[in-house]
Amino acid sequence: MEIPDFDEWVAVRGAALLRFAYLVTRDHSRAEEAVQDALIAAYSRWSRICRAQDPEAYVRRSIVNADISRWRRFFRRETPTSDTGSADAAPDPADAQADHDAVWALCATLPPKQRAAVVLRYYEDLPDAEIALILDCSPATVRSQIHRALASLRTAIGTEEVTS
């Protein structure tokens, strides 16, 4: 098996890794930091990573772990805010964007592993087995993480509708 050149691989896969990191972190600077940390860690072990496993899965798992480590290190937790308009107002052409933002605000309330599993399933369209490789867990754990995440989101949506 030929080992891909690290710089060429990053040039080809970098944008997709950054997009993945943004979907996991919900913040451009955190996404960039997570990708950078993961690539720095992978650089020195590149030939070993390529021989032992899929480098894409390894780097994605490293991105998730880098973000979780940074989050734990700084003991910071995101608190989503919502900006809702009056129900009597005329329809706003930005409703689609507002819905998109609301979905991400809800996703931001999920724990990092659940959020990563949801992103990998519904935004990256990956099967359980591949998600399990990236998150370093079993496919059953992936399914339970997604199940718990969706249950939390349903509860949050139900609570939001009741208080609105």
C-alpha atoms as a PDB file:
ATOM      1  CA  MET A   1       0.000   0.000   0.000  1.00  0.00           C
ATOM      2  CA  GLU A   2       1.402   3.368  -1.017  1.00  0.00           C
ATOM      3  CA  ILE A   3       1.432   5.974   1.709  1.00  0.00           C
ATOM      4  CA  PRO A   4      -0.030   9.297   0.495  1.00  0.00           C
ATOM      5  CA  ASP A   5       2.129  12.390   0.927  1.00  0.00           C
ATOM      6  CA  PHE A   6       0.899  14.295   3.993  1.00  0.00           C
ATOM      7  CA  ASP A   7       0.910  17.736   2.347  1.00  0.00           C
ATOM      8  CA  GLU A   8      -0.946  16.478  -0.721  1.00  0.00           C
ATOM      9  CA  TRP A   9      -3.484  14.610   1.413  1.00  0.00           C
ATOM     10  CA  VAL A  10      -4.151  17.718   3.513  1.00  0.00           C
ATOM     11  CA  ALA A  11      -4.487  19.839   0.355  1.00  0.00           C
ATOM     12  CA  VAL A  12      -7.123  17.429  -0.984  1.00  0.00           C
ATOM     13  CA  ARG A  13      -8.981  16.651   2.281  1.00  0.00           C
ATOM     14  CA  GLY A  14      -8.409  19.881   4.261  1.00  0.00           C
ATOM     15  CA  ALA A  15     -11.627  21.651   3.291  1.00  0.00           C
ATOM     16  CA  ALA A  16     -13.739  18.588   4.107  1.00  0.00           C
ATOM     17  CA  LEU A  17     -11.982  18.203   7.472  1.00  0.00           C
ATOM     18  CA  LEU A  18     -12.595  21.852   8.303  1.00  0.00           C
ATOM     19  CA  ARG A  19     -16.264  21.541   7.309  1.00  0.00           C
ATOM     20  CA  PHE A  20     -16.584  18.446   9.506  1.00  0.00           C
ATOM     21  CA  ALA A  21     -14.893  20.239  12.415  1.00  0.00           C
ATOM     22  CA  TYR A  22     -17.217  23.217  12.050  1.00  0.00           C
ATOM     23  CA  LEU A  23     -20.270  20.968  12.131  1.00  0.00           C
ATOM     24  CA  VAL A  24     -18.949  19.332  15.292  1.00  0.00           C
ATOM     25  CA  THR A  25     -17.811  22.517  17.077  1.00  0.00           C
ATOM     26  CA  ARG A  26     -20.269  25.102  15.676  1.00  0.00           C
ATOM     27  CA  ASP A  27     -17.509  27.710  15.777  1.00  0.00           C
ATOM     28  CA  HIS A  28     -15.062  28.608  13.006  1.00  0.00           C
ATOM     29  CA  SER A  29     -12.103  29.342  15.256  1.00  0.00           C
ATOM     30  CA  ARG A  30     -12.642  26.208  17.373  1.00  0.00           C
ATOM     31  CA  ALA A  31     -12.970  24.188  14.159  1.00  0.00           C
ATOM     32  CA  GLU A  32      -9.707  25.574  12.799  1.00  0.00           C
ATOM     33  CA  GLU A  33      -7.942  24.890  16.102  1.00  0.00           C
ATOM     34  CA  ALA A  34      -9.272  21.326  16.271  1.00  0.00           C
ATOM     35  CA  VAL A  35      -8.171  20.588  12.690  1.00  0.00           C
ATOM     36  CA  GLN A  36      -4.789  22.161  13.302  1.00  0.00           C
ATOM     37  CA  ASP A  37      -4.264  20.179  16.525  1.00  0.00           C
ATOM     38  CA  ALA A  38      -5.313  16.940  14.820  1.00  0.00           C
ATOM     39  CA  LEU A  39      -3.047  17.510  11.807  1.00  0.00           C
ATOM     40  CA  ILE A  40      -0.073  18.464  13.990  1.00  0.00           C
ATOM     41  CA  ALA A  41      -0.522  15.238  15.954  1.00  0.00           C
ATOM     42  CA  ALA A  42      -0.935  13.183  12.770  1.00  0.00           C
ATOM     43  CA  TYR A  43       2.071  14.649  10.954  1.00  0.00           C
ATOM     44  CA  SER A  44       4.737  12.955  13.058  1.00  0.00           C
ATOM     45  CA  ARG A  45       2.942   9.585  12.844  1.00  0.00           C
ATOM     46  CA  TRP A  46       1.707   9.841   9.260  1.00  0.00           C
ATOM     47  CA  SER A  47       3.327   6.709   7.814  1.00  0.00           C
ATOM     48  CA  ARG A  48       2.233   4.625  10.806  1.00  0.00           C
ATOM     49  CA  ILE A  49      -1.342   5.987  10.599  1.00  0.00           C
ATOM     50  CA  CYS A  50      -1.572   5.185   6.891  1.00  0.00           C
ATOM     51  CA  ARG A  51      -0.224   1.669   7.362  1.00  0.00           C
ATOM     52  CA  ALA A  52      -2.411   0.833  10.355  1.00  0.00           C
ATOM     53  CA  GLN A  53      -5.772   2.319   9.384  1.00  0.00           C
ATOM     54  CA  ASP A  54      -7.768   4.767   7.316  1.00  0.00           C
ATOM     55  CA  PRO A  55      -6.105   8.190   7.749  1.00  0.00           C
ATOM     56  CA  GLU A  56      -9.423  10.014   7.198  1.00  0.00           C
ATOM     57  CA  ALA A  57     -11.091   8.188  10.104  1.00  0.00           C
ATOM     58  CA  TYR A  58      -8.044   8.727  12.298  1.00  0.00           C
ATOM     59  CA  VAL A  59      -7.902  12.465  11.652  1.00  0.00           C
ATOM     60  CA  ARG A  60     -11.665  12.891  12.115  1.00  0.00           C
ATOM     61  CA  ARG A  61     -11.483  11.072  15.458  1.00  0.00           C
ATOM     62  CA  SER A  62      -8.530  13.302  16.378  1.00  0.00           C
ATOM     63  CA  ILE A  63     -10.571  16.393  15.519  1.00  0.00           C
ATOM     64  CA  VAL A  64     -13.397  15.291  17.812  1.00  0.00           C
ATOM     65  CA  ASN A  65     -10.927  14.428  20.587  1.00  0.00           C
ATOM     66  CA  ALA A  66      -9.038  17.724  20.148  1.00  0.00           C
ATOM     67  CA  ASP A  67     -12.241  19.703  20.552  1.00  0.00           C
ATOM     68  CA  ILE A  68     -13.340  17.687  23.581  1.00  0.00           C
ATOM     69  CA  SER A  69      -9.898  18.124  25.161  1.00  0.00           C
ATOM     70  CA  ARG A  70      -9.945  21.871  24.568  1.00  0.00           C
ATOM     71  CA  TRP A  71     -13.468  22.082  25.981  1.00  0.00           C
ATOM     72  CA  ARG A  72     -12.471  20.140  29.083  1.00  0.00           C
ATOM     73  CA  ARG A  73      -9.280  22.123  29.510  1.00  0.00           C
ATOM     74  CA  PHE A  74     -11.032  25.465  29.611  1.00  0.00           C
ATOM     75  CA  PHE A  75     -14.189  24.198  31.380  1.00  0.00           C
ATOM     76  CA  ARG A  76     -16.290  26.114  29.007  1.00  0.00           C
ATOM     77  CA  ARG A  77     -19.775  25.275  27.957  1.00  0.00           C
ATOM     78  CA  GLU A  78     -21.758  26.859  25.173  1.00  0.00           C
ATOM     79  CA  THR A  79     -25.028  28.484  26.087  1.00  0.00           C
ATOM     80  CA  PRO A  80     -27.195  28.897  23.028  1.00  0.00           C
ATOM     81  CA  THR A  81     -29.358  31.954  22.777  1.00  0.00           C
ATOM     82  CA  SER A  82     -32.380  32.391  20.645  1.00  0.00           C
ATOM     83  CA  ASP A  83     -33.707  35.520  19.071  1.00  0.00           C
ATOM     84  CA  THR A  84     -37.364  34.970  18.318  1.00  0.00           C
ATOM     85  CA  GLY A  85     -39.572  37.542  16.722  1.00  0.00           C
ATOM     86  CA  SER A  86     -43.194  38.284  17.330  1.00  0.00           C
ATOM     87  CA  ALA A  87     -45.716  35.694  16.114  1.00  0.00           C
ATOM     88  CA  ASP A  88     -47.862  38.502  14.651  1.00  0.00           C
ATOM     89  CA  ALA A  89     -45.098  39.848  12.392  1.00  0.00           C
ATOM     90  CA  ALA A  90     -45.219  39.417   8.622  1.00  0.00           C
ATOM     91  CA  PRO A  91     -43.270  36.450   7.235  1.00  0.00           C
ATOM     92  CA  ASP A  92     -39.599  37.232   7.012  1.00  0.00           C
ATOM     93  CA  PRO A  93     -37.649  36.070   3.941  1.00  0.00           C
ATOM     94  CA  ALA A  94     -34.892  34.963   6.312  1.00  0.00           C
ATOM     95  CA  ASP A  95     -37.110  32.311   7.943  1.00  0.00           C
ATOM     96  CA  ALA A  96     -35.149  29.477   6.347  1.00  0.00           C
ATOM     97  CA  GLN A  97     -31.916  30.866   7.796  1.00  0.00           C
ATOM     98  CA  ALA A  98     -33.578  31.358  11.169  1.00  0.00           C
ATOM     99  CA  ASP A  99     -34.734  27.732  11.143  1.00  0.00           C
ATOM    100  CA  HIS A 100     -31.221  26.643  10.225  1.00  0.00           C
ATOM    101  CA  ASP A 101     -29.778  28.699  13.089  1.00  0.00           C
ATOM    102  CA  ALA A 102     -32.369  27.314  15.508  1.00  0.00           C
ATOM    103  CA  VAL A 103     -31.437  23.745  14.586  1.00  0.00           C
ATOM    104  CA  TRP A 104     -27.763  24.513  15.211  1.00  0.00           C
ATOM    105  CA  ALA A 105     -28.562  26.238  18.497  1.00  0.00           C
ATOM    106  CA  LEU A 106     -30.350  23.073  19.602  1.00  0.00           C
ATOM    107  CA  CYS A 107     -27.491  20.886  18.379  1.00  0.00           C
ATOM    108  CA  ALA A 108     -25.052  23.051  20.338  1.00  0.00           C
ATOM    109  CA  THR A 109     -26.793  21.946  23.542  1.00  0.00           C
ATOM    110  CA  LEU A 110     -25.859  18.312  22.909  1.00  0.00           C
ATOM    111  CA  PRO A 111     -22.778  16.785  24.540  1.00  0.00           C
ATOM    112  CA  PRO A 112     -19.793  16.697  22.142  1.00  0.00           C
ATOM    113  CA  LYS A 113     -19.925  12.940  21.378  1.00  0.00           C
ATOM    114  CA  GLN A 114     -23.677  13.045  20.672  1.00  0.00           C
ATOM    115  CA  ARG A 115     -23.259  16.143  18.515  1.00  0.00           C
ATOM    116  CA  ALA A 116     -20.414  14.475  16.598  1.00  0.00           C
ATOM    117  CA  ALA A 117     -22.511  11.331  16.033  1.00  0.00           C
ATOM    118  CA  VAL A 118     -25.448  13.405  14.738  1.00  0.00           C
ATOM    119  CA  VAL A 119     -23.196  15.417  12.435  1.00  0.00           C
ATOM    120  CA  LEU A 120     -21.537  12.300  11.058  1.00  0.00           C
ATOM    121  CA  ARG A 121     -24.880  10.561  10.484  1.00  0.00           C
ATOM    122  CA  TYR A 122     -27.064  13.357   9.162  1.00  0.00           C
ATOM    123  CA  TYR A 123     -24.594  15.793   7.613  1.00  0.00           C
ATOM    124  CA  GLU A 124     -21.799  13.495   6.477  1.00  0.00           C
ATOM    125  CA  ASP A 125     -24.207  10.585   5.750  1.00  0.00           C
ATOM    126  CA  LEU A 126     -21.857   7.965   7.204  1.00  0.00           C
ATOM    127  CA  PRO A 127     -22.923   4.468   8.303  1.00  0.00           C
ATOM    128  CA  ASP A 128     -22.737   3.386  11.951  1.00  0.00           C
ATOM    129  CA  ALA A 129     -19.580   1.329  11.428  1.00  0.00           C
ATOM    130  CA  GLU A 130     -17.642   4.281  10.015  1.00  0.00           C
ATOM    131  CA  ILE A 131     -18.939   6.634  12.705  1.00  0.00           C
ATOM    132  CA  ALA A 132     -17.840   4.070  15.298  1.00  0.00           C
ATOM    133  CA  LEU A 133     -14.315   4.115  13.861  1.00  0.00           C
ATOM    134  CA  ILE A 134     -14.170   7.896  13.953  1.00  0.00           C
ATOM    135  CA  LEU A 135     -15.544   8.182  17.494  1.00  0.00           C
ATOM    136  CA  ASP A 136     -13.591   5.141  18.717  1.00  0.00           C
ATOM    137  CA  CYS A 137     -16.616   3.250  20.006  1.00  0.00           C
ATOM    138  CA  SER A 138     -18.877   0.388  18.960  1.00  0.00           C
ATOM    139  CA  PRO A 139     -21.669   0.745  16.363  1.00  0.00           C
ATOM    140  CA  ALA A 140     -24.178   0.043  19.149  1.00  0.00           C
ATOM    141  CA  THR A 141     -22.789   3.007  21.095  1.00  0.00           C
ATOM    142  CA  VAL A 142     -23.153   5.166  17.980  1.00  0.00           C
ATOM    143  CA  ARG A 143     -26.808   4.172  17.695  1.00  0.00           C
ATOM    144  CA  SER A 144     -27.438   4.881  21.388  1.00  0.00           C
ATOM    145  CA  GLN A 145     -25.650   8.256  21.167  1.00  0.00           C
ATOM    146  CA  ILE A 146     -27.811   9.241  18.189  1.00  0.00           C
ATOM    147  CA  HIS A 147     -30.949   7.934  19.903  1.00  0.00           C
ATOM    148  CA  ARG A 148     -30.189   9.982  23.041  1.00  0.00           C
ATOM    149  CA  ALA A 149     -29.343  13.064  20.978  1.00  0.00           C
ATOM    150  CA  LEU A 150     -32.594  12.888  19.025  1.00  0.00           C
ATOM    151  CA  ALA A 151     -34.567  12.327  22.236  1.00  0.00           C
ATOM    152  CA  SER A 152     -32.913  15.416  23.775  1.00  0.00           C
ATOM    153  CA  LEU A 153     -33.668  17.453  20.677  1.00  0.00           C
ATOM    154  CA  ARG A 154     -37.305  16.308  20.670  1.00  0.00           C
ATOM    155  CA  THR A 155     -37.630  17.237  24.344  1.00  0.00           C
ATOM    156  CA  ALA A 156     -36.045  20.639  23.717  1.00  0.00           C
ATOM    157  CA  ILE A 157     -38.341  21.305  20.774  1.00  0.00           C
ATOM    158  CA  GLY A 158     -41.377  20.228  22.800  1.00  0.00           C
ATOM    159  CA  THR A 159     -40.343  22.459  25.703  1.00  0.00           C
ATOM    160  CA  GLU A 160     -39.682  25.354  23.346  1.00  0.00           C
ATOM    161  CA  GLU A 161     -43.139  25.033  21.763  1.00  0.00           C
ATOM    162  CA  VAL A 162     -44.829  24.959  25.167  1.00  0.00           C
ATOM    163  CA  THR A 163     -43.023  28.098  26.368  1.00  0.00           C
ATOM    164  CA  SER A 164     -43.534  30.011  23.110  1.00  0.00           C
END
